[in-house]
């Protein structure tokens, strides 16, 4: 419900630029199928519903964090950052890290260092997840006037940033071992997954520096690979206590 609320507000506010981007041109608000008024009502109803459900089934902390996540995405990222700075996805991406804190709070009623580490894993993961997609659809963002990093920097410069955030992500994922603490199943899995992720990031950087025609294809492999990486990493978090 909270994610649906944030996405609804995003689609309503960005309907003008969504209408000129191939990837988003068929979104209902961009096509005029859903009116601004209807979209705002939908976003508000979903936000209230999310808070009520979390409050009634868990606790007030989880409900408040969900509302903070909606605000971060709808206001912080969509309205304030997206059209103004190439670092939009970095700081705006914090909204996408909030589910970790919400879930922890829902179960325990408190926050701790372990979910903060997982928050940071997703935070550092977001740029190397999204910038490859933005490299593939650079022309769309340029046409819409959105200063995504691949629009204002060369492929090589973007690939360097992707690799830097990838390294930070892998290091942070390993920090969970002593903080949580995690067992050998997670530790080994995190190393293997991290090595695979870094290998893709390095390949992208080499191809970008060489001006290879395969850069867009490699960028999309990294994009899809990043989804698999995060899913498997969190699967390891879930099963490690039962196997070690």
C-alpha atoms as a PDB file:
ATOM      1  CA  UNK A   1       0.000   0.000   0.000  1.00  0.00           C
ATOM      2  CA  UNK A   2       2.786   2.432   0.905  1.00  0.00           C
ATOM      3  CA  UNK A   3       4.756   1.631  -2.245  1.00  0.00           C
ATOM      4  CA  UNK A   4       1.601   2.041  -4.322  1.00  0.00           C
ATOM      5  CA  UNK A   5       0.950   5.416  -2.729  1.00  0.00           C
ATOM      6  CA  UNK A   6       4.473   6.685  -3.441  1.00  0.00           C
ATOM      7  CA  UNK A   7       4.316   5.401  -7.018  1.00  0.00           C
ATOM      8  CA  UNK A   8       0.923   7.053  -7.585  1.00  0.00           C
ATOM      9  CA  UNK A   9       2.140  10.452  -6.399  1.00  0.00           C
ATOM     10  CA  UNK A  10       5.250  10.031  -8.589  1.00  0.00           C
ATOM     11  CA  UNK A  11       3.202   9.226 -11.690  1.00  0.00           C
ATOM     12  CA  UNK A  12       0.870  12.177 -11.141  1.00  0.00           C
ATOM     13  CA  UNK A  13       3.661  14.696 -10.622  1.00  0.00           C
ATOM     14  CA  UNK A  14       5.837  13.337 -13.439  1.00  0.00           C
ATOM     15  CA  UNK A  15       3.040  12.925 -15.975  1.00  0.00           C
ATOM     16  CA  UNK A  16       4.554  15.646 -18.190  1.00  0.00           C
ATOM     17  CA  UNK A  17       7.983  14.054 -18.524  1.00  0.00           C
ATOM     18  CA  UNK A  18       6.593  10.507 -18.530  1.00  0.00           C
ATOM     19  CA  UNK A  19       4.645  11.457 -21.660  1.00  0.00           C
ATOM     20  CA  UNK A  20       7.854  12.111 -23.641  1.00  0.00           C
ATOM     21  CA  UNK A  21       9.813   9.061 -22.473  1.00  0.00           C
ATOM     22  CA  UNK A  22       9.443   5.747 -24.319  1.00  0.00           C
ATOM     23  CA  UNK A  23       9.765   3.729 -21.112  1.00  0.00           C
ATOM     24  CA  UNK A  24       6.976   5.587 -19.321  1.00  0.00           C
ATOM     25  CA  UNK A  25       4.734   6.945 -22.079  1.00  0.00           C
ATOM     26  CA  UNK A  26       2.015   4.356 -21.409  1.00  0.00           C
ATOM     27  CA  UNK A  27       1.593   5.172 -17.728  1.00  0.00           C
ATOM     28  CA  UNK A  28      -2.069   6.049 -17.039  1.00  0.00           C
ATOM     29  CA  UNK A  29      -1.416   9.560 -15.727  1.00  0.00           C
ATOM     30  CA  UNK A  30       0.864  10.363 -18.659  1.00  0.00           C
ATOM     31  CA  UNK A  31      -1.826   9.184 -21.090  1.00  0.00           C
ATOM     32  CA  UNK A  32      -4.520  11.170 -19.295  1.00  0.00           C
ATOM     33  CA  UNK A  33      -6.495   8.035 -18.426  1.00  0.00           C
ATOM     34  CA  UNK A  34      -6.196   8.913 -14.720  1.00  0.00           C
ATOM     35  CA  UNK A  35      -6.832  12.561 -13.799  1.00  0.00           C
ATOM     36  CA  UNK A  36      -4.640  14.521 -11.428  1.00  0.00           C
ATOM     37  CA  UNK A  37      -7.451  14.716  -8.892  1.00  0.00           C
ATOM     38  CA  UNK A  38      -8.148  10.992  -9.044  1.00  0.00           C
ATOM     39  CA  UNK A  39      -4.434  10.220  -8.778  1.00  0.00           C
ATOM     40  CA  UNK A  40      -3.982  12.429  -5.724  1.00  0.00           C
ATOM     41  CA  UNK A  41      -6.988  10.849  -4.040  1.00  0.00           C
ATOM     42  CA  UNK A  42      -5.666   7.377  -4.812  1.00  0.00           C
ATOM     43  CA  UNK A  43      -2.217   8.211  -3.449  1.00  0.00           C
ATOM     44  CA  UNK A  44      -3.680   9.710  -0.274  1.00  0.00           C
ATOM     45  CA  UNK A  45      -6.072   6.804   0.338  1.00  0.00           C
ATOM     46  CA  UNK A  46      -3.275   4.265  -0.139  1.00  0.00           C
ATOM     47  CA  UNK A  47      -1.006   6.197   2.253  1.00  0.00           C
ATOM     48  CA  UNK A  48      -3.666   6.327   4.963  1.00  0.00           C
ATOM     49  CA  UNK A  49      -4.512   2.662   4.423  1.00  0.00           C
ATOM     50  CA  UNK A  50      -0.838   1.703   4.706  1.00  0.00           C
ATOM     51  CA  UNK A  51      -0.454   3.570   7.986  1.00  0.00           C
ATOM     52  CA  UNK A  52      -3.649   2.084   9.427  1.00  0.00           C
ATOM     53  CA  UNK A  53      -2.772  -1.489   8.455  1.00  0.00           C
ATOM     54  CA  UNK A  54       0.758  -1.224   9.852  1.00  0.00           C
ATOM     55  CA  UNK A  55      -0.464   0.428  13.051  1.00  0.00           C
ATOM     56  CA  UNK A  56      -3.179  -2.160  13.669  1.00  0.00           C
ATOM     57  CA  UNK A  57      -1.126  -5.214  12.744  1.00  0.00           C
ATOM     58  CA  UNK A  58       2.256  -4.145  14.148  1.00  0.00           C
ATOM     59  CA  UNK A  59       2.978  -0.797  15.794  1.00  0.00           C
ATOM     60  CA  UNK A  60       3.088   2.980  15.457  1.00  0.00           C
ATOM     61  CA  UNK A  61       6.810   3.072  14.601  1.00  0.00           C
ATOM     62  CA  UNK A  62       6.310   0.960  11.476  1.00  0.00           C
ATOM     63  CA  UNK A  63       3.348   3.128  10.434  1.00  0.00           C
ATOM     64  CA  UNK A  64       5.330   6.360  10.867  1.00  0.00           C
ATOM     65  CA  UNK A  65       8.310   4.972   8.947  1.00  0.00           C
ATOM     66  CA  UNK A  66       6.008   4.020   6.078  1.00  0.00           C
ATOM     67  CA  UNK A  67       4.666   7.567   5.896  1.00  0.00           C
ATOM     68  CA  UNK A  68       8.241   8.898   5.989  1.00  0.00           C
ATOM     69  CA  UNK A  69       9.137   6.610   3.083  1.00  0.00           C
ATOM     70  CA  UNK A  70       6.198   7.894   1.040  1.00  0.00           C
ATOM     71  CA  UNK A  71       7.213  11.498   1.739  1.00  0.00           C
ATOM     72  CA  UNK A  72      10.852  10.827   0.868  1.00  0.00           C
ATOM     73  CA  UNK A  73       9.896   9.389  -2.516  1.00  0.00           C
ATOM     74  CA  UNK A  74       7.010  11.660  -3.465  1.00  0.00           C
ATOM     75  CA  UNK A  75       8.474  14.925  -2.179  1.00  0.00           C
ATOM     76  CA  UNK A  76      12.202  14.388  -1.641  1.00  0.00           C
ATOM     77  CA  UNK A  77      12.956  12.472  -4.824  1.00  0.00           C
ATOM     78  CA  UNK A  78      10.118  13.258  -7.243  1.00  0.00           C
ATOM     79  CA  UNK A  79       9.501  16.931  -6.497  1.00  0.00           C
ATOM     80  CA  UNK A  80      12.816  18.248  -5.154  1.00  0.00           C
ATOM     81  CA  UNK A  81      15.684  16.149  -6.530  1.00  0.00           C
ATOM     82  CA  UNK A  82      14.770  14.356  -9.746  1.00  0.00           C
ATOM     83  CA  UNK A  83      14.735  17.381 -12.064  1.00  0.00           C
ATOM     84  CA  UNK A  84      17.445  19.360 -10.294  1.00  0.00           C
ATOM     85  CA  UNK A  85      20.555  17.265  -9.684  1.00  0.00           C
ATOM     86  CA  UNK A  86      22.445  14.300 -11.171  1.00  0.00           C
ATOM     87  CA  UNK A  87      22.592  12.940  -7.616  1.00  0.00           C
ATOM     88  CA  UNK A  88      18.807  12.572  -7.619  1.00  0.00           C
ATOM     89  CA  UNK A  89      18.785   8.792  -7.527  1.00  0.00           C
ATOM     90  CA  UNK A  90      21.464   8.661  -4.821  1.00  0.00           C
ATOM     91  CA  UNK A  91      19.652  10.653  -2.131  1.00  0.00           C
ATOM     92  CA  UNK A  92      16.172  10.029  -3.465  1.00  0.00           C
ATOM     93  CA  UNK A  93      16.946   6.348  -3.396  1.00  0.00           C
ATOM     94  CA  UNK A  94      16.831   6.452   0.398  1.00  0.00           C
ATOM     95  CA  UNK A  95      13.078   5.974   0.101  1.00  0.00           C
ATOM     96  CA  UNK A  96      13.686   2.584  -1.464  1.00  0.00           C
ATOM     97  CA  UNK A  97      15.773   1.572   1.555  1.00  0.00           C
ATOM     98  CA  UNK A  98      12.989   2.245   4.046  1.00  0.00           C
ATOM     99  CA  UNK A  99      11.200  -1.142   3.766  1.00  0.00           C
ATOM    100  CA  UNK A 100      14.099  -2.710   5.681  1.00  0.00           C
ATOM    101  CA  UNK A 101      13.540  -0.365   8.616  1.00  0.00           C
ATOM    102  CA  UNK A 102       9.753  -0.680   8.368  1.00  0.00           C
ATOM    103  CA  UNK A 103       9.917  -4.474   8.457  1.00  0.00           C
ATOM    104  CA  UNK A 104      12.331  -4.538  11.387  1.00  0.00           C
ATOM    105  CA  UNK A 105      10.199  -2.071  13.313  1.00  0.00           C
ATOM    106  CA  UNK A 106       7.043  -4.046  12.524  1.00  0.00           C
ATOM    107  CA  UNK A 107       8.523  -7.219  14.002  1.00  0.00           C
ATOM    108  CA  UNK A 108      10.521  -5.834  16.940  1.00  0.00           C
ATOM    109  CA  UNK A 109       8.939  -2.468  17.695  1.00  0.00           C
ATOM    110  CA  UNK A 110      12.404  -0.882  17.691  1.00  0.00           C
ATOM    111  CA  UNK A 111      15.356  -0.167  15.416  1.00  0.00           C
ATOM    112  CA  UNK A 112      18.903  -1.552  15.686  1.00  0.00           C
ATOM    113  CA  UNK A 113      22.238  -1.560  13.873  1.00  0.00           C
ATOM    114  CA  UNK A 114      21.456  -4.642  11.765  1.00  0.00           C
ATOM    115  CA  UNK A 115      18.609  -2.999   9.802  1.00  0.00           C
ATOM    116  CA  UNK A 116      20.702   0.150   9.472  1.00  0.00           C
ATOM    117  CA  UNK A 117      23.419  -1.902   7.757  1.00  0.00           C
ATOM    118  CA  UNK A 118      20.810  -3.462   5.456  1.00  0.00           C
ATOM    119  CA  UNK A 119      19.461   0.042   4.787  1.00  0.00           C
ATOM    120  CA  UNK A 120      22.952   1.092   3.693  1.00  0.00           C
ATOM    121  CA  UNK A 121      23.332  -1.989   1.496  1.00  0.00           C
ATOM    122  CA  UNK A 122      20.230  -0.962  -0.443  1.00  0.00           C
ATOM    123  CA  UNK A 123      21.365   2.681  -0.403  1.00  0.00           C
ATOM    124  CA  UNK A 124      24.700   1.860  -2.045  1.00  0.00           C
ATOM    125  CA  UNK A 125      23.001  -0.676  -4.335  1.00  0.00           C
ATOM    126  CA  UNK A 126      20.561   1.853  -5.797  1.00  0.00           C
ATOM    127  CA  UNK A 127      22.989   3.837  -8.047  1.00  0.00           C
ATOM    128  CA  UNK A 128      24.624   0.769  -9.679  1.00  0.00           C
ATOM    129  CA  UNK A 129      21.119  -0.643 -10.096  1.00  0.00           C
ATOM    130  CA  UNK A 130      19.519   2.430 -11.665  1.00  0.00           C
ATOM    131  CA  UNK A 131      22.329   4.173 -13.549  1.00  0.00           C
ATOM    132  CA  UNK A 132      22.806   1.249 -15.979  1.00  0.00           C
ATOM    133  CA  UNK A 133      19.109   1.551 -16.853  1.00  0.00           C
ATOM    134  CA  UNK A 134      19.546   5.305 -17.270  1.00  0.00           C
ATOM    135  CA  UNK A 135      22.502   4.623 -19.597  1.00  0.00           C
ATOM    136  CA  UNK A 136      20.216   2.514 -21.772  1.00  0.00           C
ATOM    137  CA  UNK A 137      17.506   5.194 -21.823  1.00  0.00           C
ATOM    138  CA  UNK A 138      19.771   8.246 -21.828  1.00  0.00           C
ATOM    139  CA  UNK A 139      17.944   9.847 -24.762  1.00  0.00           C
ATOM    140  CA  UNK A 140      14.626   9.605 -22.935  1.00  0.00           C
ATOM    141  CA  UNK A 141      15.911  11.420 -19.885  1.00  0.00           C
ATOM    142  CA  UNK A 142      17.652  14.021 -22.013  1.00  0.00           C
ATOM    143  CA  UNK A 143      14.446  14.687 -23.954  1.00  0.00           C
ATOM    144  CA  UNK A 144      12.546  15.061 -20.694  1.00  0.00           C
ATOM    145  CA  UNK A 145      15.160  17.400 -19.235  1.00  0.00           C
ATOM    146  CA  UNK A 146      15.954  15.099 -16.330  1.00  0.00           C
ATOM    147  CA  UNK A 147      19.658  15.371 -15.377  1.00  0.00           C
ATOM    148  CA  UNK A 148      20.292  11.706 -14.657  1.00  0.00           C
ATOM    149  CA  UNK A 149      24.022  11.096 -14.326  1.00  0.00           C
ATOM    150  CA  UNK A 150      24.336   9.348 -17.738  1.00  0.00           C
ATOM    151  CA  UNK A 151      22.797  12.450 -19.357  1.00  0.00           C
ATOM    152  CA  UNK A 152      25.410  14.851 -17.988  1.00  0.00           C
ATOM    153  CA  UNK A 153      28.452  12.524 -17.817  1.00  0.00           C
ATOM    154  CA  UNK A 154      30.233  10.185 -20.231  1.00  0.00           C
ATOM    155  CA  UNK A 155      29.754   6.423 -20.106  1.00  0.00           C
ATOM    156  CA  UNK A 156      33.222   6.026 -18.627  1.00  0.00           C
ATOM    157  CA  UNK A 157      32.540   8.556 -15.866  1.00  0.00           C
ATOM    158  CA  UNK A 158      29.231   6.889 -15.030  1.00  0.00           C
ATOM    159  CA  UNK A 159      30.878   3.456 -14.987  1.00  0.00           C
ATOM    160  CA  UNK A 160      33.495   4.710 -12.513  1.00  0.00           C
ATOM    161  CA  UNK A 161      30.729   5.922 -10.206  1.00  0.00           C
ATOM    162  CA  UNK A 162      28.884   2.627 -10.594  1.00  0.00           C
ATOM    163  CA  UNK A 163      31.993   0.687  -9.614  1.00  0.00           C
ATOM    164  CA  UNK A 164      32.614   2.934  -6.609  1.00  0.00           C
ATOM    165  CA  UNK A 165      29.114   2.448  -5.240  1.00  0.00           C
ATOM    166  CA  UNK A 166      29.339  -1.280  -5.999  1.00  0.00           C
ATOM    167  CA  UNK A 167      32.461  -1.604  -3.875  1.00  0.00           C
ATOM    168  CA  UNK A 168      30.789   0.308  -1.030  1.00  0.00           C
ATOM    169  CA  UNK A 169      27.751  -1.971  -1.333  1.00  0.00           C
ATOM    170  CA  UNK A 170      29.776  -5.177  -1.133  1.00  0.00           C
ATOM    171  CA  UNK A 171      31.837  -3.919   1.818  1.00  0.00           C
ATOM    172  CA  UNK A 172      28.651  -2.909   3.643  1.00  0.00           C
ATOM    173  CA  UNK A 173      27.051  -6.297   2.960  1.00  0.00           C
ATOM    174  CA  UNK A 174      30.035  -7.963   4.637  1.00  0.00           C
ATOM    175  CA  UNK A 175      29.759  -5.602   7.614  1.00  0.00           C
ATOM    176  CA  UNK A 176      26.509  -7.371   8.444  1.00  0.00           C
ATOM    177  CA  UNK A 177      28.490 -10.498   9.421  1.00  0.00           C
ATOM    178  CA  UNK A 178      29.832  -9.058  12.717  1.00  0.00           C
ATOM    179  CA  UNK A 179      26.941  -6.644  13.297  1.00  0.00           C
ATOM    180  CA  UNK A 180      23.952  -9.023  13.023  1.00  0.00           C
ATOM    181  CA  UNK A 181      25.836 -11.403  13.482  1.00  0.00           C
ATOM    182  CA  UNK A 182      25.557 -13.679  10.443  1.00  0.00           C
ATOM    183  CA  UNK A 183      26.958 -17.175   9.918  1.00  0.00           C
ATOM    184  CA  UNK A 184      29.184 -18.735   7.285  1.00  0.00           C
ATOM    185  CA  UNK A 185      26.323 -19.354   4.818  1.00  0.00           C
ATOM    186  CA  UNK A 186      25.602 -15.645   4.518  1.00  0.00           C
ATOM    187  CA  UNK A 187      29.299 -14.700   4.619  1.00  0.00           C
ATOM    188  CA  UNK A 188      30.264 -17.043   1.779  1.00  0.00           C
ATOM    189  CA  UNK A 189      27.193 -16.174  -0.247  1.00  0.00           C
ATOM    190  CA  UNK A 190      27.758 -12.428   0.167  1.00  0.00           C
ATOM    191  CA  UNK A 191      31.347 -12.786  -1.035  1.00  0.00           C
ATOM    192  CA  UNK A 192      30.331 -14.821  -4.095  1.00  0.00           C
ATOM    193  CA  UNK A 193      27.442 -12.526  -5.009  1.00  0.00           C
ATOM    194  CA  UNK A 194      29.580  -9.440  -4.431  1.00  0.00           C
ATOM    195  CA  UNK A 195      32.369 -10.789  -6.622  1.00  0.00           C
ATOM    196  CA  UNK A 196      29.906 -11.446  -9.426  1.00  0.00           C
ATOM    197  CA  UNK A 197      28.434  -7.959  -9.126  1.00  0.00           C
ATOM    198  CA  UNK A 198      31.861  -6.320  -9.140  1.00  0.00           C
ATOM    199  CA  UNK A 199      32.900  -8.379 -12.160  1.00  0.00           C
ATOM    200  CA  UNK A 200      29.964  -6.995 -14.142  1.00  0.00           C
ATOM    201  CA  UNK A 201      30.735  -3.445 -12.977  1.00  0.00           C
ATOM    202  CA  UNK A 202      34.389  -3.799 -14.004  1.00  0.00           C
ATOM    203  CA  UNK A 203      33.375  -5.185 -17.408  1.00  0.00           C
ATOM    204  CA  UNK A 204      31.090  -2.206 -17.947  1.00  0.00           C
ATOM    205  CA  UNK A 205      33.894   0.195 -17.029  1.00  0.00           C
ATOM    206  CA  UNK A 206      36.364  -1.455 -19.413  1.00  0.00           C
ATOM    207  CA  UNK A 207      33.901  -1.392 -22.281  1.00  0.00           C
ATOM    208  CA  UNK A 208      32.920   2.207 -21.570  1.00  0.00           C
ATOM    209  CA  UNK A 209      36.559   3.328 -21.588  1.00  0.00           C
ATOM    210  CA  UNK A 210      37.093   1.476 -24.853  1.00  0.00           C
ATOM    211  CA  UNK A 211      33.984   3.018 -26.399  1.00  0.00           C
ATOM    212  CA  UNK A 212      32.592  -0.420 -27.182  1.00  0.00           C
ATOM    213  CA  UNK A 213      29.218  -0.764 -28.898  1.00  0.00           C
ATOM    214  CA  UNK A 214      28.267  -3.385 -26.342  1.00  0.00           C
ATOM    215  CA  UNK A 215      28.039  -0.848 -23.491  1.00  0.00           C
ATOM    216  CA  UNK A 216      24.203  -0.614 -23.534  1.00  0.00           C
ATOM    217  CA  UNK A 217      23.836  -4.399 -23.517  1.00  0.00           C
ATOM    218  CA  UNK A 218      26.337  -4.794 -20.681  1.00  0.00           C
ATOM    219  CA  UNK A 219      24.615  -2.007 -18.757  1.00  0.00           C
ATOM    220  CA  UNK A 220      21.314  -3.857 -19.000  1.00  0.00           C
ATOM    221  CA  UNK A 221      22.950  -7.097 -17.871  1.00  0.00           C
ATOM    222  CA  UNK A 222      24.197  -5.228 -14.812  1.00  0.00           C
ATOM    223  CA  UNK A 223      20.725  -3.777 -14.252  1.00  0.00           C
ATOM    224  CA  UNK A 224      19.053  -7.193 -14.338  1.00  0.00           C
ATOM    225  CA  UNK A 225      21.932  -8.737 -12.403  1.00  0.00           C
ATOM    226  CA  UNK A 226      21.528  -6.158  -9.655  1.00  0.00           C
ATOM    227  CA  UNK A 227      17.952  -7.311  -9.069  1.00  0.00           C
ATOM    228  CA  UNK A 228      19.098 -10.912  -8.763  1.00  0.00           C
ATOM    229  CA  UNK A 229      21.935  -9.860  -6.449  1.00  0.00           C
ATOM    230  CA  UNK A 230      19.696  -8.081  -3.958  1.00  0.00           C
ATOM    231  CA  UNK A 231      17.055 -10.809  -3.998  1.00  0.00           C
ATOM    232  CA  UNK A 232      19.615 -13.539  -3.299  1.00  0.00           C
ATOM    233  CA  UNK A 233      21.439 -11.486  -0.668  1.00  0.00           C
ATOM    234  CA  UNK A 234      18.255 -10.967   1.319  1.00  0.00           C
ATOM    235  CA  UNK A 235      17.366 -14.630   0.827  1.00  0.00           C
ATOM    236  CA  UNK A 236      20.682 -15.450   2.492  1.00  0.00           C
ATOM    237  CA  UNK A 237      19.803 -13.125   5.359  1.00  0.00           C
ATOM    238  CA  UNK A 238      16.576 -15.080   5.816  1.00  0.00           C
ATOM    239  CA  UNK A 239      17.953 -18.627   5.651  1.00  0.00           C
ATOM    240  CA  UNK A 240      21.354 -18.176   7.316  1.00  0.00           C
ATOM    241  CA  UNK A 241      20.054 -18.569  10.898  1.00  0.00           C
ATOM    242  CA  UNK A 242      18.545 -21.955   9.985  1.00  0.00           C
ATOM    243  CA  UNK A 243      21.681 -23.315   8.311  1.00  0.00           C
ATOM    244  CA  UNK A 244      24.510 -22.170  10.592  1.00  0.00           C
END
